[in-house]
């Protein structure tokens, strides 16, 4: 046994420190390769997923805000444009309204012909063809008043001509219309 122990060389303190440092470095590199790098890859993947989810959430939030804004805009637009009576009542109300506007604008109506109501899927279009006489100023005032709130008629065709070369009164032929939305099914 003595021979064996004599052959066995005991490491010096310096060699033990060097061996300890080398083993620590090898274990550290092994831990980095086996544990740390995969954990960093997992963390990076989680970060990417979080960023993608945040982008999707931001897009969804923006879409939801845009949807709310459009819904509010639609409700404001549709307010007052919902047909709540029969086609005949709506048309007679329009004719009376146009006569009032003409009277307040100093216009003479010589012809007023309501067209047949044009039905679409979710709205009705009410149109009236008119022949008016008056000064240019009065005609412009009539058309302007008919187009703005609360009347909000749409002007489709408008022609202005002179009755004769000696008269200052103008003849105006125009088509005015109004679109009213039909009530939704089940909301009546």
C-alpha atoms as a PDB file:
ATOM      1  CA  UNK A   1       0.000   0.000   0.000  1.00  0.00           C
ATOM      2  CA  UNK A   2       2.822   2.196   0.622  1.00  0.00           C
ATOM      3  CA  UNK A   3       3.793   1.998  -2.960  1.00  0.00           C
ATOM      4  CA  UNK A   4       0.373   3.112  -4.077  1.00  0.00           C
ATOM      5  CA  UNK A   5       0.236   6.013  -1.801  1.00  0.00           C
ATOM      6  CA  UNK A   6       3.708   7.013  -2.829  1.00  0.00           C
ATOM      7  CA  UNK A   7       2.660   7.080  -6.425  1.00  0.00           C
ATOM      8  CA  UNK A   8      -0.350   9.127  -5.629  1.00  0.00           C
ATOM      9  CA  UNK A   9       0.595  12.659  -5.747  1.00  0.00           C
ATOM     10  CA  UNK A  10      -1.268  15.048  -3.551  1.00  0.00           C
ATOM     11  CA  UNK A  11      -2.149  18.273  -5.243  1.00  0.00           C
ATOM     12  CA  UNK A  12      -0.592  21.367  -3.993  1.00  0.00           C
ATOM     13  CA  UNK A  13      -2.688  24.210  -2.669  1.00  0.00           C
ATOM     14  CA  UNK A  14      -2.110  26.177  -5.854  1.00  0.00           C
ATOM     15  CA  UNK A  15      -3.181  23.243  -8.021  1.00  0.00           C
ATOM     16  CA  UNK A  16      -6.277  22.717  -5.875  1.00  0.00           C
ATOM     17  CA  UNK A  17      -7.278  26.376  -6.372  1.00  0.00           C
ATOM     18  CA  UNK A  18      -6.647  26.102 -10.092  1.00  0.00           C
ATOM     19  CA  UNK A  19      -8.647  22.869 -10.308  1.00  0.00           C
ATOM     20  CA  UNK A  20     -11.484  24.425  -8.290  1.00  0.00           C
ATOM     21  CA  UNK A  21     -11.584  27.446 -10.592  1.00  0.00           C
ATOM     22  CA  UNK A  22     -11.531  25.248 -13.679  1.00  0.00           C
ATOM     23  CA  UNK A  23     -14.330  23.009 -12.329  1.00  0.00           C
ATOM     24  CA  UNK A  24     -16.350  26.089 -11.357  1.00  0.00           C
ATOM     25  CA  UNK A  25     -15.896  27.519 -14.866  1.00  0.00           C
ATOM     26  CA  UNK A  26     -16.908  24.229 -16.504  1.00  0.00           C
ATOM     27  CA  UNK A  27     -19.967  23.868 -14.239  1.00  0.00           C
ATOM     28  CA  UNK A  28     -20.850  27.521 -14.866  1.00  0.00           C
ATOM     29  CA  UNK A  29     -20.639  27.098 -18.652  1.00  0.00           C
ATOM     30  CA  UNK A  30     -22.629  23.861 -18.450  1.00  0.00           C
ATOM     31  CA  UNK A  31     -25.343  25.574 -16.378  1.00  0.00           C
ATOM     32  CA  UNK A  32     -25.395  28.473 -18.813  1.00  0.00           C
ATOM     33  CA  UNK A  33     -25.843  26.135 -21.770  1.00  0.00           C
ATOM     34  CA  UNK A  34     -28.297  23.780 -20.076  1.00  0.00           C
ATOM     35  CA  UNK A  35     -30.374  26.178 -17.954  1.00  0.00           C
ATOM     36  CA  UNK A  36     -29.761  29.877 -18.595  1.00  0.00           C
ATOM     37  CA  UNK A  37     -29.882  30.012 -22.417  1.00  0.00           C
ATOM     38  CA  UNK A  38     -33.107  27.976 -22.728  1.00  0.00           C
ATOM     39  CA  UNK A  39     -34.685  30.134 -19.994  1.00  0.00           C
ATOM     40  CA  UNK A  40     -33.611  33.271 -21.851  1.00  0.00           C
ATOM     41  CA  UNK A  41     -35.135  31.878 -25.073  1.00  0.00           C
ATOM     42  CA  UNK A  42     -38.375  31.126 -23.226  1.00  0.00           C
ATOM     43  CA  UNK A  43     -38.367  34.627 -21.723  1.00  0.00           C
ATOM     44  CA  UNK A  44     -37.775  36.181 -25.161  1.00  0.00           C
ATOM     45  CA  UNK A  45     -40.623  34.110 -26.629  1.00  0.00           C
ATOM     46  CA  UNK A  46     -42.911  35.207 -23.780  1.00  0.00           C
ATOM     47  CA  UNK A  47     -41.899  38.837 -24.370  1.00  0.00           C
ATOM     48  CA  UNK A  48     -42.712  38.494 -28.089  1.00  0.00           C
ATOM     49  CA  UNK A  49     -46.104  36.985 -27.277  1.00  0.00           C
ATOM     50  CA  UNK A  50     -46.808  39.765 -24.765  1.00  0.00           C
ATOM     51  CA  UNK A  51     -45.902  42.412 -27.367  1.00  0.00           C
ATOM     52  CA  UNK A  52     -48.115  40.718 -29.965  1.00  0.00           C
ATOM     53  CA  UNK A  53     -50.974  40.534 -27.472  1.00  0.00           C
ATOM     54  CA  UNK A  54     -50.490  44.206 -26.554  1.00  0.00           C
ATOM     55  CA  UNK A  55     -50.571  45.164 -30.251  1.00  0.00           C
ATOM     56  CA  UNK A  56     -53.693  43.061 -30.787  1.00  0.00           C
ATOM     57  CA  UNK A  57     -55.301  44.628 -27.718  1.00  0.00           C
ATOM     58  CA  UNK A  58     -54.402  48.122 -28.917  1.00  0.00           C
ATOM     59  CA  UNK A  59     -55.846  47.347 -32.347  1.00  0.00           C
ATOM     60  CA  UNK A  60     -58.982  45.899 -30.761  1.00  0.00           C
ATOM     61  CA  UNK A  61     -59.305  48.900 -28.454  1.00  0.00           C
ATOM     62  CA  UNK A  62     -58.887  51.276 -31.394  1.00  0.00           C
ATOM     63  CA  UNK A  63     -61.441  49.297 -33.381  1.00  0.00           C
ATOM     64  CA  UNK A  64     -63.864  49.332 -30.460  1.00  0.00           C
ATOM     65  CA  UNK A  65     -63.427  53.094 -30.032  1.00  0.00           C
ATOM     66  CA  UNK A  66     -63.947  53.608 -33.768  1.00  0.00           C
ATOM     67  CA  UNK A  67     -67.031  51.383 -33.665  1.00  0.00           C
ATOM     68  CA  UNK A  68     -68.482  53.389 -30.763  1.00  0.00           C
ATOM     69  CA  UNK A  69     -67.761  56.660 -32.577  1.00  0.00           C
ATOM     70  CA  UNK A  70     -69.381  55.398 -35.776  1.00  0.00           C
ATOM     71  CA  UNK A  71     -72.380  54.115 -33.847  1.00  0.00           C
ATOM     72  CA  UNK A  72     -72.809  57.492 -32.136  1.00  0.00           C
ATOM     73  CA  UNK A  73     -72.437  59.269 -35.476  1.00  0.00           C
ATOM     74  CA  UNK A  74     -74.998  56.925 -37.055  1.00  0.00           C
ATOM     75  CA  UNK A  75     -77.446  57.473 -34.195  1.00  0.00           C
ATOM     76  CA  UNK A  76     -77.049  61.247 -34.475  1.00  0.00           C
ATOM     77  CA  UNK A  77     -77.506  61.067 -38.239  1.00  0.00           C
ATOM     78  CA  UNK A  78     -80.553  58.802 -38.018  1.00  0.00           C
ATOM     79  CA  UNK A  79     -82.145  60.905 -35.266  1.00  0.00           C
ATOM     80  CA  UNK A  80     -85.022  62.775 -36.847  1.00  0.00           C
ATOM     81  CA  UNK A  81     -84.749  60.755 -40.054  1.00  0.00           C
ATOM     82  CA  UNK A  82     -86.777  57.781 -38.910  1.00  0.00           C
ATOM     83  CA  UNK A  83     -90.090  57.302 -40.676  1.00  0.00           C
ATOM     84  CA  UNK A  84     -92.725  57.194 -37.968  1.00  0.00           C
ATOM     85  CA  UNK A  85     -95.915  57.595 -40.037  1.00  0.00           C
ATOM     86  CA  UNK A  86     -97.399  56.387 -43.322  1.00  0.00           C
ATOM     87  CA  UNK A  87     -95.979  57.387 -46.692  1.00  0.00           C
ATOM     88  CA  UNK A  88     -99.023  59.591 -47.376  1.00  0.00           C
ATOM     89  CA  UNK A  89     -98.630  61.503 -44.106  1.00  0.00           C
ATOM     90  CA  UNK A  90     -94.930  62.003 -44.708  1.00  0.00           C
ATOM     91  CA  UNK A  91     -95.516  63.287 -48.255  1.00  0.00           C
ATOM     92  CA  UNK A  92     -98.296  65.689 -47.234  1.00  0.00           C
ATOM     93  CA  UNK A  93     -96.092  66.967 -44.401  1.00  0.00           C
ATOM     94  CA  UNK A  94     -93.245  67.545 -46.875  1.00  0.00           C
ATOM     95  CA  UNK A  95     -95.518  69.475 -49.250  1.00  0.00           C
ATOM     96  CA  UNK A  96     -96.772  71.700 -46.417  1.00  0.00           C
ATOM     97  CA  UNK A  97     -93.195  72.229 -45.234  1.00  0.00           C
ATOM     98  CA  UNK A  98     -92.049  73.256 -48.739  1.00  0.00           C
ATOM     99  CA  UNK A  99     -94.998  75.647 -49.069  1.00  0.00           C
ATOM    100  CA  UNK A 100     -94.035  77.274 -45.752  1.00  0.00           C
ATOM    101  CA  UNK A 101     -90.399  77.635 -46.827  1.00  0.00           C
ATOM    102  CA  UNK A 102     -91.502  79.142 -50.159  1.00  0.00           C
ATOM    103  CA  UNK A 103     -93.839  81.567 -48.399  1.00  0.00           C
ATOM    104  CA  UNK A 104     -91.119  82.754 -46.021  1.00  0.00           C
ATOM    105  CA  UNK A 105     -88.623  83.094 -48.909  1.00  0.00           C
ATOM    106  CA  UNK A 106     -90.921  85.156 -51.150  1.00  0.00           C
ATOM    107  CA  UNK A 107     -91.210  82.426 -53.785  1.00  0.00           C
ATOM    108  CA  UNK A 108     -94.288  81.600 -55.879  1.00  0.00           C
ATOM    109  CA  UNK A 109     -94.902  77.896 -56.448  1.00  0.00           C
ATOM    110  CA  UNK A 110     -96.672  77.271 -59.741  1.00  0.00           C
ATOM    111  CA  UNK A 111     -96.340  73.506 -59.872  1.00  0.00           C
ATOM    112  CA  UNK A 112     -95.633  70.873 -57.228  1.00  0.00           C
ATOM    113  CA  UNK A 113     -95.742  67.190 -58.196  1.00  0.00           C
ATOM    114  CA  UNK A 114     -94.923  64.526 -55.645  1.00  0.00           C
ATOM    115  CA  UNK A 115     -93.226  61.448 -57.096  1.00  0.00           C
ATOM    116  CA  UNK A 116     -94.015  57.926 -56.085  1.00  0.00           C
ATOM    117  CA  UNK A 117     -92.140  56.874 -52.949  1.00  0.00           C
ATOM    118  CA  UNK A 118     -89.035  54.872 -53.832  1.00  0.00           C
ATOM    119  CA  UNK A 119     -88.609  52.007 -51.393  1.00  0.00           C
ATOM    120  CA  UNK A 120     -85.187  50.580 -50.646  1.00  0.00           C
ATOM    121  CA  UNK A 121     -84.207  47.849 -48.229  1.00  0.00           C
ATOM    122  CA  UNK A 122     -83.944  50.063 -45.156  1.00  0.00           C
ATOM    123  CA  UNK A 123     -85.156  53.513 -46.234  1.00  0.00           C
ATOM    124  CA  UNK A 124     -87.759  55.356 -48.322  1.00  0.00           C
ATOM    125  CA  UNK A 125     -86.990  58.260 -50.667  1.00  0.00           C
ATOM    126  CA  UNK A 126     -89.706  60.912 -50.952  1.00  0.00           C
ATOM    127  CA  UNK A 127     -89.311  63.254 -53.957  1.00  0.00           C
ATOM    128  CA  UNK A 128     -91.161  66.364 -55.152  1.00  0.00           C
ATOM    129  CA  UNK A 129     -90.746  68.131 -58.500  1.00  0.00           C
ATOM    130  CA  UNK A 130     -91.396  71.856 -58.287  1.00  0.00           C
ATOM    131  CA  UNK A 131     -91.585  74.908 -60.523  1.00  0.00           C
ATOM    132  CA  UNK A 132     -90.924  78.167 -58.698  1.00  0.00           C
ATOM    133  CA  UNK A 133     -90.845  81.828 -59.697  1.00  0.00           C
ATOM    134  CA  UNK A 134     -88.948  84.561 -57.920  1.00  0.00           C
ATOM    135  CA  UNK A 135     -85.815  86.672 -57.863  1.00  0.00           C
ATOM    136  CA  UNK A 136     -82.406  85.036 -57.848  1.00  0.00           C
ATOM    137  CA  UNK A 137     -81.925  86.040 -54.209  1.00  0.00           C
ATOM    138  CA  UNK A 138     -85.274  84.487 -53.190  1.00  0.00           C
ATOM    139  CA  UNK A 139     -84.588  81.272 -55.101  1.00  0.00           C
ATOM    140  CA  UNK A 140     -81.171  80.905 -53.445  1.00  0.00           C
ATOM    141  CA  UNK A 141     -82.722  81.604 -50.041  1.00  0.00           C
ATOM    142  CA  UNK A 142     -85.428  78.965 -50.666  1.00  0.00           C
ATOM    143  CA  UNK A 143     -82.925  76.290 -51.766  1.00  0.00           C
ATOM    144  CA  UNK A 144     -80.569  77.080 -48.885  1.00  0.00           C
ATOM    145  CA  UNK A 145     -83.352  76.976 -46.280  1.00  0.00           C
ATOM    146  CA  UNK A 146     -84.684  73.705 -47.696  1.00  0.00           C
ATOM    147  CA  UNK A 147     -81.240  72.088 -47.436  1.00  0.00           C
ATOM    148  CA  UNK A 148     -80.277  73.054 -43.887  1.00  0.00           C
ATOM    149  CA  UNK A 149     -81.575  71.763 -40.566  1.00  0.00           C
ATOM    150  CA  UNK A 150     -84.310  71.186 -39.581  1.00  0.00           C
ATOM    151  CA  UNK A 151     -85.629  70.635 -43.151  1.00  0.00           C
ATOM    152  CA  UNK A 152     -82.656  68.837 -44.735  1.00  0.00           C
ATOM    153  CA  UNK A 153     -84.022  68.245 -48.220  1.00  0.00           C
ATOM    154  CA  UNK A 154     -81.693  66.935 -50.897  1.00  0.00           C
ATOM    155  CA  UNK A 155     -81.592  68.905 -54.172  1.00  0.00           C
ATOM    156  CA  UNK A 156     -81.298  66.555 -57.121  1.00  0.00           C
ATOM    157  CA  UNK A 157     -81.976  68.626 -60.252  1.00  0.00           C
ATOM    158  CA  UNK A 158     -82.029  72.396 -60.390  1.00  0.00           C
ATOM    159  CA  UNK A 159     -82.393  74.617 -63.432  1.00  0.00           C
ATOM    160  CA  UNK A 160     -82.857  78.370 -63.416  1.00  0.00           C
ATOM    161  CA  UNK A 161     -83.989  80.309 -66.461  1.00  0.00           C
ATOM    162  CA  UNK A 162     -85.553  83.652 -67.322  1.00  0.00           C
ATOM    163  CA  UNK A 163     -89.218  83.809 -68.169  1.00  0.00           C
ATOM    164  CA  UNK A 164     -88.504  86.437 -70.761  1.00  0.00           C
ATOM    165  CA  UNK A 165     -85.691  88.810 -71.537  1.00  0.00           C
ATOM    166  CA  UNK A 166     -87.636  91.790 -70.157  1.00  0.00           C
ATOM    167  CA  UNK A 167     -88.626  90.351 -66.768  1.00  0.00           C
ATOM    168  CA  UNK A 168     -86.334  90.095 -63.764  1.00  0.00           C
ATOM    169  CA  UNK A 169     -88.261  87.160 -62.322  1.00  0.00           C
ATOM    170  CA  UNK A 170     -86.606  83.777 -62.772  1.00  0.00           C
ATOM    171  CA  UNK A 171     -88.139  80.350 -63.292  1.00  0.00           C
ATOM    172  CA  UNK A 172     -86.630  77.555 -61.210  1.00  0.00           C
ATOM    173  CA  UNK A 173     -87.334  73.877 -61.805  1.00  0.00           C
ATOM    174  CA  UNK A 174     -86.016  71.510 -59.175  1.00  0.00           C
ATOM    175  CA  UNK A 175     -86.440  68.131 -57.559  1.00  0.00           C
ATOM    176  CA  UNK A 176     -86.237  67.966 -53.791  1.00  0.00           C
ATOM    177  CA  UNK A 177     -86.138  64.724 -51.892  1.00  0.00           C
ATOM    178  CA  UNK A 178     -85.835  63.419 -48.370  1.00  0.00           C
ATOM    179  CA  UNK A 179     -84.665  60.023 -47.187  1.00  0.00           C
ATOM    180  CA  UNK A 180     -86.281  58.499 -44.115  1.00  0.00           C
ATOM    181  CA  UNK A 181     -85.072  55.302 -42.534  1.00  0.00           C
ATOM    182  CA  UNK A 182     -87.545  52.542 -41.904  1.00  0.00           C
ATOM    183  CA  UNK A 183     -87.957  51.393 -38.311  1.00  0.00           C
ATOM    184  CA  UNK A 184     -86.060  48.199 -37.483  1.00  0.00           C
ATOM    185  CA  UNK A 185     -88.037  45.003 -37.329  1.00  0.00           C
ATOM    186  CA  UNK A 186     -89.243  44.327 -33.817  1.00  0.00           C
ATOM    187  CA  UNK A 187     -88.698  47.908 -32.605  1.00  0.00           C
ATOM    188  CA  UNK A 188     -92.243  48.980 -33.357  1.00  0.00           C
END
